[in-house]
Amino acid sequence: MKITAEELLRRGMERHRAGQVAEAEGLYRRALRLAPAHPDAENLLGICARQRGDLAAALAHAARAVASLPDSALFQANHGATLAEAGRLGEAIAALRRALALNPADAMSLRNLGQALTAAGRAHDALEPLREAARLAPQAAEVWLALAHAAREAGEGDAGREAARRVTGPLAEQAGFLLAGLGAAPLPARAPAAYVRELFDAFAPRFDAELEGALGYRTPALLAAMLEGVAPGRVLDLGCGTGLSGLALKPFATRLEGLDLSPRMLAEARARGIYAALHEADLLDFLPRRAAAWDIVAAADVLNYLGDLGPALAAIRTALRPGGTAVFSLEAGEAAVALGEGLRYRHNADHAATLAEAAGLTVLARQEAVLRREKGADVAGVLFRLGG
């Protein structure tokens, strides 16, 4: 008996539900060959591509599904979610609104719309869809967390605290960090790794454009200037992101490696072709296992996500070769450590210098600097050059 495209799709969805994404994708492709332009096959292939991080393919499949059936709320919703992940926020918001016009009670689309609006700097507009999503799906921790973030950014602290306290399960650590930012919980030693990973995964598609554009990002160039006169050697770019920092560090590298928590940032960095190796890891786990591995360790706007700098500085000292050099930036503050409005830590420069000396590092140079602009204001920072 000849197999049909519908049967292949049914089998693929069974595999997909079982977590066998590669097998599911193969079955969906077979279905598409039997029935070219089949909208369900295109939509499902788009979901698979998004799950494995191929946003270009995901967008192409999702767009073809919508073109075939523009009145499908499901296809519009998936297209909107994919556009949001790709950083095309205006298009994402429009697609998600179309999906909700077709299916107003879709809690996931409401949440995705709220998150896209928040990412686009429209936190006030995000509150209505997120509150409706919370009403429809009161047990969904992701919705409450998204609502808490939007409320905080909209300046509604009480609402943000209330929403964050509704978060349970694996996301509770992120909610606790948010509560600390809202002044309702003790200051943690660091931002949760999952929060940092998700933040930069979402930011990766528009990272370069935003930082080099309106934000006037200067930290990599400033740190490179701190390295003038240092002999080239093996360089580790901590929190390498998309590789903007690597471009500034490359003249000092006989071998350049990068490390980041975000797989999507690493994918962007890999595309630059400037790194000999890239590592997806937490620096506090990675560095202590790489004793005396690098001549230069650089961290541009990375330590802002750590409240207690002691462990990171000790790990950097371990990873440096004797006589090596470390350069890094911090957002500057008066208190020893505080959590700023942007959920990044601010550090007192004198306190940071004391911690560096305690870790066995020598402060060779230190200077105040404007790291970038944020919401129209300069972000004050301090740069350090340390000897190992």
Protein backbone atom coordinates (compact mmCIF):
# COMPACT_ATOMS: atom_id res chain seq x y z
CA MET A 1 0.00 0.00 0.00
CA LYS A 2 1.37 3.39 -1.02
CA ILE A 3 2.05 5.70 1.92
CA THR A 4 0.41 9.13 1.86
CA ALA A 5 1.75 12.51 2.91
CA GLU A 6 -0.83 12.61 5.71
CA GLU A 7 0.40 9.29 7.09
CA LEU A 8 3.99 10.51 7.00
CA LEU A 9 2.96 13.66 8.84
CA ARG A 10 1.10 11.61 11.45
CA ARG A 11 4.14 9.42 12.05
CA GLY A 12 6.38 12.48 12.15
CA MET A 13 4.24 14.13 14.80
CA GLU A 14 4.40 10.97 16.90
CA ARG A 15 8.22 11.10 16.71
CA HIS A 16 8.15 14.82 17.41
CA ARG A 17 6.05 14.39 20.56
CA ALA A 18 8.53 11.73 21.69
CA GLY A 19 11.39 14.20 21.34
CA GLN A 20 12.84 12.53 18.22
CA VAL A 21 13.13 15.76 16.27
CA ALA A 22 15.58 14.57 13.59
CA GLU A 23 13.43 11.53 12.78
CA ALA A 24 10.31 13.70 12.69
CA GLU A 25 11.97 16.17 10.35
CA GLY A 26 12.90 13.38 7.96
CA LEU A 27 9.30 12.20 7.82
CA TYR A 28 8.01 15.75 7.26
CA ARG A 29 10.46 16.16 4.36
CA ARG A 30 9.23 12.94 2.80
CA ALA A 31 5.68 14.24 3.12
CA LEU A 32 6.65 17.50 1.45
CA ARG A 33 8.21 15.62 -1.46
CA LEU A 34 4.97 13.69 -1.94
CA ALA A 35 2.84 16.83 -1.59
CA PRO A 36 4.87 19.91 -2.51
CA ALA A 37 3.86 23.10 -0.67
CA HIS A 38 1.78 21.09 1.84
CA PRO A 39 1.11 23.76 4.50
CA ASP A 40 1.18 21.37 7.47
CA ALA A 41 4.51 19.94 6.34
CA GLU A 42 5.94 23.45 5.90
CA ASN A 43 4.70 24.52 9.32
CA LEU A 44 6.08 21.44 11.06
CA LEU A 45 9.42 21.72 9.28
CA GLY A 46 9.58 25.32 10.46
CA ILE A 47 9.08 24.21 14.05
CA CYS A 48 11.86 21.63 13.69
CA ALA A 49 14.23 24.18 12.18
CA ARG A 50 13.49 26.61 15.01
CA GLN A 51 14.17 23.90 17.59
CA ARG A 52 17.60 23.20 16.13
CA GLY A 53 18.41 26.91 15.86
CA ASP A 54 18.22 27.36 12.08
CA LEU A 55 16.13 30.52 12.07
CA ALA A 56 16.60 31.22 8.36
CA ALA A 57 15.07 27.85 7.44
CA ALA A 58 12.40 28.22 10.12
CA LEU A 59 11.33 31.58 8.72
CA ALA A 60 11.20 30.26 5.17
CA HIS A 61 9.04 27.27 6.11
CA ALA A 62 6.75 29.34 8.35
CA ALA A 63 6.26 31.99 5.66
CA ARG A 64 5.32 29.36 3.08
CA ALA A 65 2.80 27.80 5.49
CA VAL A 66 1.17 31.19 6.09
CA ALA A 67 1.13 31.99 2.38
CA SER A 68 -0.75 28.75 1.74
CA LEU A 69 -3.27 29.22 4.56
CA PRO A 70 -3.27 32.83 5.81
CA ASP A 71 -6.41 32.23 7.89
CA SER A 72 -4.71 29.57 10.03
CA ALA A 73 -4.25 30.90 13.56
CA LEU A 74 -1.69 28.17 14.22
CA PHE A 75 0.46 29.08 11.22
CA GLN A 76 0.29 32.79 12.00
CA ALA A 77 1.25 32.07 15.63
CA ASN A 78 4.24 29.93 14.67
CA HIS A 79 5.36 32.49 12.09
CA GLY A 80 5.09 35.25 14.72
CA ALA A 81 7.06 33.28 17.29
CA THR A 82 9.80 32.59 14.75
CA LEU A 83 9.96 36.23 13.67
CA ALA A 84 10.34 37.21 17.32
CA GLU A 85 13.21 34.76 17.82
CA ALA A 86 14.87 36.21 14.72
CA GLY A 87 14.70 39.69 16.23
CA ARG A 88 12.19 40.97 13.64
CA LEU A 89 9.99 42.33 16.38
CA GLY A 90 7.69 44.61 14.38
CA GLU A 91 6.79 41.81 11.98
CA ALA A 92 6.42 39.39 14.88
CA ILE A 93 3.98 41.66 16.68
CA ALA A 94 1.88 42.02 13.54
CA ALA A 95 1.83 38.25 12.91
CA LEU A 96 0.92 37.46 16.51
CA ARG A 97 -1.90 40.02 16.40
CA ARG A 98 -3.21 38.29 13.26
CA ALA A 99 -3.05 34.95 15.06
CA LEU A 100 -4.98 36.35 18.01
CA ALA A 101 -7.61 37.89 15.75
CA LEU A 102 -8.25 34.35 14.53
CA ASN A 103 -7.94 32.71 17.98
CA PRO A 104 -8.22 35.26 20.81
CA ALA A 105 -7.94 32.62 23.57
CA ASP A 106 -4.48 31.33 22.60
CA ALA A 107 -2.47 31.86 25.79
CA MET A 108 0.85 31.06 24.10
CA SER A 109 0.36 33.69 21.39
CA LEU A 110 -0.70 36.19 24.03
CA ARG A 111 2.49 35.45 25.96
CA ASN A 112 4.64 35.64 22.82
CA LEU A 113 3.02 38.95 21.88
CA GLY A 114 3.70 40.34 25.34
CA GLN A 115 7.32 39.25 25.22
CA ALA A 116 7.81 40.73 21.75
CA LEU A 117 6.29 44.03 22.85
CA THR A 118 8.52 44.08 25.93
CA ALA A 119 11.62 43.36 23.82
CA ALA A 120 10.58 46.18 21.48
CA GLY A 121 10.56 48.63 24.39
CA ARG A 122 6.75 48.69 24.70
CA ALA A 123 6.36 47.16 28.14
CA HIS A 124 3.17 49.12 28.92
CA ASP A 125 1.52 47.66 25.80
CA ALA A 126 2.70 44.17 26.82
CA LEU A 127 0.77 44.14 30.09
CA GLU A 128 -2.70 43.60 28.63
CA PRO A 129 -1.90 40.48 26.54
CA LEU A 130 0.23 39.05 29.34
CA ARG A 131 -2.48 39.55 31.93
CA GLU A 132 -4.97 37.85 29.63
CA ALA A 133 -2.52 34.98 29.11
CA ALA A 134 -2.19 34.63 32.88
CA ARG A 135 -5.98 34.55 33.22
CA LEU A 136 -6.26 31.83 30.58
CA ALA A 137 -3.26 29.79 31.81
CA PRO A 138 -2.86 30.54 35.53
CA GLN A 139 -0.55 27.55 36.07
CA ALA A 140 1.93 28.58 33.36
CA ALA A 141 5.09 29.79 35.09
CA GLU A 142 6.45 31.19 31.80
CA VAL A 143 3.50 33.57 31.56
CA TRP A 144 3.88 34.90 35.10
CA LEU A 145 7.62 35.42 34.58
CA ALA A 146 7.03 37.31 31.33
CA LEU A 147 4.39 39.43 33.08
CA ALA A 148 6.78 40.15 35.96
CA HIS A 149 9.48 41.35 33.55
CA ALA A 150 7.04 43.55 31.62
CA ALA A 151 5.59 45.05 34.79
CA ARG A 152 9.07 45.84 36.11
CA GLU A 153 10.07 47.53 32.85
CA ALA A 154 6.77 49.42 32.80
CA GLY A 155 7.51 50.78 36.25
CA GLU A 156 4.75 48.80 37.96
CA GLY A 157 6.82 47.34 40.76
CA ASP A 158 3.95 46.01 42.86
CA ALA A 159 2.51 44.15 39.86
CA GLY A 160 5.96 42.82 38.99
CA ARG A 161 6.50 41.49 42.51
CA GLU A 162 3.05 39.90 42.57
CA ALA A 163 3.61 38.15 39.24
CA ALA A 164 7.12 36.98 40.16
CA ARG A 165 5.80 35.39 43.34
CA ARG A 166 3.41 33.28 41.23
CA VAL A 167 6.32 31.61 39.41
CA THR A 168 7.01 28.05 40.51
CA GLY A 169 9.11 25.12 39.35
CA PRO A 170 12.35 25.43 37.37
CA LEU A 171 11.77 29.13 36.67
CA ALA A 172 11.58 30.04 40.35
CA GLU A 173 15.30 30.92 40.47
CA GLN A 174 14.83 33.45 37.68
CA ALA A 175 11.80 34.88 39.48
CA GLY A 176 13.86 35.21 42.65
CA PHE A 177 16.50 37.16 40.74
CA LEU A 178 13.79 39.43 39.37
CA LEU A 179 12.41 39.93 42.88
CA ALA A 180 15.89 40.98 44.01
CA GLY A 181 15.90 43.52 41.20
CA LEU A 182 12.54 44.77 42.50
CA GLY A 183 13.91 45.08 46.03
CA ALA A 184 11.84 42.21 47.38
CA ALA A 185 14.47 39.46 47.86
CA PRO A 186 18.10 39.19 48.99
CA LEU A 187 20.76 39.98 46.40
CA PRO A 188 21.98 36.68 44.86
CA ALA A 189 25.64 36.03 44.17
CA ARG A 190 24.99 35.99 40.41
CA ALA A 191 22.33 36.16 37.75
CA PRO A 192 20.92 32.67 37.07
CA ALA A 193 22.75 31.02 34.16
CA ALA A 194 19.41 30.13 32.54
CA TYR A 195 18.33 33.77 32.65
CA VAL A 196 21.58 34.95 31.00
CA ARG A 197 21.42 32.21 28.37
CA GLU A 198 17.81 32.99 27.42
CA LEU A 199 18.43 36.73 27.47
CA PHE A 200 21.28 36.52 24.99
CA ASP A 201 19.72 33.79 22.87
CA ALA A 202 16.81 36.18 22.31
CA PHE A 203 19.14 39.16 21.76
CA ALA A 204 21.55 37.41 19.37
CA PRO A 205 19.81 38.22 16.04
CA ARG A 206 19.78 41.97 16.73
CA PHE A 207 22.80 42.23 19.03
CA ASP A 208 25.29 43.82 16.64
CA ALA A 209 22.80 46.27 15.12
CA GLU A 210 21.59 47.56 18.48
CA LEU A 211 24.95 47.74 20.22
CA GLU A 212 26.80 49.38 17.36
CA GLY A 213 23.83 51.65 16.60
CA ALA A 214 21.76 53.43 19.22
CA LEU A 215 23.71 52.03 22.18
CA GLY A 216 27.10 53.23 20.95
CA TYR A 217 28.85 50.16 22.36
CA ARG A 218 32.51 50.91 23.09
CA THR A 219 33.74 48.30 25.56
CA PRO A 220 35.68 45.98 23.19
CA ALA A 221 37.64 48.88 21.70
CA LEU A 222 38.33 50.30 25.16
CA LEU A 223 39.64 46.97 26.44
CA ALA A 224 41.78 46.53 23.32
CA ALA A 225 43.34 49.92 24.05
CA MET A 226 44.18 48.67 27.55
CA LEU A 227 46.17 45.86 25.94
CA GLU A 228 48.49 48.10 23.93
CA GLY A 229 52.05 46.93 24.44
CA VAL A 230 51.08 43.41 25.54
CA ALA A 231 52.82 40.70 23.52
CA PRO A 232 50.47 38.59 21.37
CA GLY A 233 49.58 35.17 22.71
CA ARG A 234 46.75 32.76 23.36
CA VAL A 235 43.62 34.81 24.04
CA LEU A 236 40.33 33.79 25.65
CA ASP A 237 37.35 36.04 24.94
CA LEU A 238 35.01 35.47 27.91
CA GLY A 239 31.36 36.05 27.06
CA CYS A 240 32.35 36.44 23.42
CA GLY A 241 28.78 37.00 22.25
CA THR A 242 28.55 37.47 18.50
CA GLY A 243 32.28 38.11 18.22
CA LEU A 244 32.33 41.91 18.36
CA SER A 245 34.84 41.65 21.18
CA GLY A 246 36.84 39.07 19.24
CA LEU A 247 37.32 41.50 16.37
CA ALA A 248 38.94 43.96 18.78
CA LEU A 249 41.06 41.27 20.46
CA LYS A 250 42.28 39.47 17.36
CA PRO A 251 45.39 41.68 16.83
CA PHE A 252 46.65 40.45 20.22
CA ALA A 253 46.03 36.76 19.53
CA THR A 254 48.24 34.05 18.14
CA ARG A 255 45.22 31.85 18.89
CA LEU A 256 41.78 33.26 19.75
CA GLU A 257 39.14 31.26 21.61
CA GLY A 258 35.70 32.32 22.79
CA LEU A 259 33.37 31.23 25.56
CA ASP A 260 29.68 32.00 26.03
CA LEU A 261 26.57 30.59 27.68
CA SER A 262 24.34 31.35 24.69
CA PRO A 263 24.35 28.88 21.78
CA ARG A 264 22.81 31.47 19.47
CA MET A 265 25.49 34.00 20.29
CA LEU A 266 28.10 31.33 19.61
CA ALA A 267 26.49 30.56 16.25
CA GLU A 268 26.86 34.23 15.29
CA ALA A 269 30.46 34.26 16.52
CA ARG A 270 31.24 31.08 14.58
CA ALA A 271 30.02 32.72 11.38
CA ARG A 272 32.71 35.40 11.71
CA GLY A 273 35.44 32.81 11.23
CA ILE A 274 37.88 34.49 13.64
CA TYR A 275 37.93 31.98 16.52
CA ALA A 276 40.09 28.87 16.61
CA ALA A 277 37.67 27.35 19.13
CA LEU A 278 34.36 28.28 20.74
CA HIS A 279 33.09 26.86 24.03
CA GLU A 280 29.52 26.80 25.34
CA ALA A 281 29.98 26.87 29.10
CA ASP A 282 29.68 28.84 32.31
CA LEU A 283 32.97 30.61 33.01
CA LEU A 284 32.89 29.57 36.68
CA ASP A 285 32.78 25.92 35.59
CA PHE A 286 35.12 26.23 32.62
CA LEU A 287 38.07 28.33 33.80
CA PRO A 288 39.11 26.35 36.91
CA ARG A 289 39.60 23.28 34.70
CA ARG A 290 41.93 25.12 32.29
CA ALA A 291 44.92 26.00 34.44
CA ALA A 292 47.57 28.24 32.83
CA ALA A 293 45.93 27.93 29.41
CA TRP A 294 45.92 31.55 28.16
CA ASP A 295 48.23 34.53 27.99
CA ILE A 296 45.33 37.00 27.84
CA VAL A 297 41.82 36.68 29.24
CA ALA A 298 39.35 39.42 28.31
CA ALA A 299 35.78 39.95 29.54
CA ALA A 300 33.78 42.73 27.91
CA ASP A 301 30.55 43.41 29.82
CA VAL A 302 30.49 39.87 31.21
CA LEU A 303 31.18 40.28 34.92
CA ASN A 304 28.13 42.55 35.13
CA TYR A 305 26.09 39.38 35.58
CA LEU A 306 28.05 38.35 38.68
CA GLY A 307 27.46 39.93 42.05
CA ASP A 308 30.30 38.18 43.89
CA LEU A 309 33.39 38.76 41.76
CA GLY A 310 35.68 36.70 43.99
CA PRO A 311 35.14 33.28 42.37
CA ALA A 312 35.40 34.70 38.83
CA LEU A 313 38.64 36.55 39.57
CA ALA A 314 40.14 33.46 41.18
CA ALA A 315 39.09 31.41 38.12
CA ILE A 316 40.68 33.96 35.78
CA ARG A 317 43.89 33.79 37.81
CA THR A 318 43.91 30.00 37.48
CA ALA A 319 43.40 30.14 33.72
CA LEU A 320 46.18 32.69 33.10
CA ARG A 321 49.72 31.61 32.37
CA PRO A 322 52.40 33.09 34.65
CA GLY A 323 52.92 36.69 33.61
CA GLY A 324 49.60 36.73 31.75
CA THR A 325 47.20 39.65 31.46
CA ALA A 326 43.48 39.99 32.18
CA VAL A 327 41.30 42.90 31.07
CA PHE A 328 37.66 43.38 31.91
CA SER A 329 34.93 45.96 32.31
CA LEU A 330 32.48 46.59 35.12
CA GLU A 331 29.49 48.86 35.43
CA ALA A 332 30.42 51.33 38.14
CA GLY A 333 28.50 51.96 41.35
CA GLU A 334 28.96 53.48 44.78
CA ALA A 335 28.04 50.40 46.82
CA ALA A 336 30.34 47.39 46.90
CA VAL A 337 27.76 45.62 44.73
CA ALA A 338 24.21 46.47 43.71
CA LEU A 339 21.72 45.28 41.11
CA GLY A 340 20.98 48.02 38.60
CA GLU A 341 17.81 48.84 36.71
CA GLY A 342 18.85 46.68 33.77
CA LEU A 343 19.28 43.62 36.02
CA ARG A 344 23.05 43.89 35.75
CA TYR A 345 25.33 44.24 38.75
CA ARG A 346 27.20 47.45 39.46
CA HIS A 347 30.47 47.29 41.35
CA ASN A 348 32.53 49.70 43.36
CA ALA A 349 35.94 49.96 41.69
CA ASP A 350 37.92 50.01 44.93
CA HIS A 351 36.12 46.92 46.19
CA ALA A 352 36.75 45.13 42.88
CA ALA A 353 40.45 45.99 43.09
CA THR A 354 40.63 44.52 46.59
CA LEU A 355 39.01 41.30 45.37
CA ALA A 356 41.46 41.10 42.47
CA GLU A 357 44.44 41.41 44.80
CA ALA A 358 42.92 38.76 47.07
CA ALA A 359 42.68 36.43 44.06
CA GLY A 360 46.42 36.82 43.42
CA LEU A 361 46.12 39.34 40.57
CA THR A 362 47.98 42.66 40.39
CA VAL A 363 46.12 45.78 39.29
CA LEU A 364 48.29 47.23 36.52
CA ALA A 365 45.88 49.84 35.24
CA ARG A 366 42.39 51.09 35.96
CA GLN A 367 40.32 53.76 34.27
CA GLU A 368 36.81 55.13 34.27
CA ALA A 369 34.93 54.98 30.98
CA VAL A 370 31.53 55.31 29.34
CA LEU A 371 30.72 51.76 28.17
CA ARG A 372 27.64 52.56 26.04
CA ARG A 373 24.36 54.46 26.18
CA GLU A 374 21.11 53.08 27.56
CA LYS A 375 17.71 54.81 27.48
CA GLY A 376 19.46 57.97 26.39
CA ALA A 377 21.97 58.04 29.28
CA ASP A 378 25.65 57.12 29.50
CA VAL A 379 26.47 53.87 31.28
CA ALA A 380 29.40 54.61 33.57
CA GLY A 381 31.99 51.89 33.87
CA VAL A 382 35.48 51.05 34.99
CA LEU A 383 38.13 49.10 33.09
CA PHE A 384 40.81 46.97 34.70
CA ARG A 385 44.08 45.54 33.43
CA LEU A 386 45.46 42.88 35.77
CA GLY A 387 48.67 40.89 35.83
CA GLY A 388 48.78 37.23 36.70
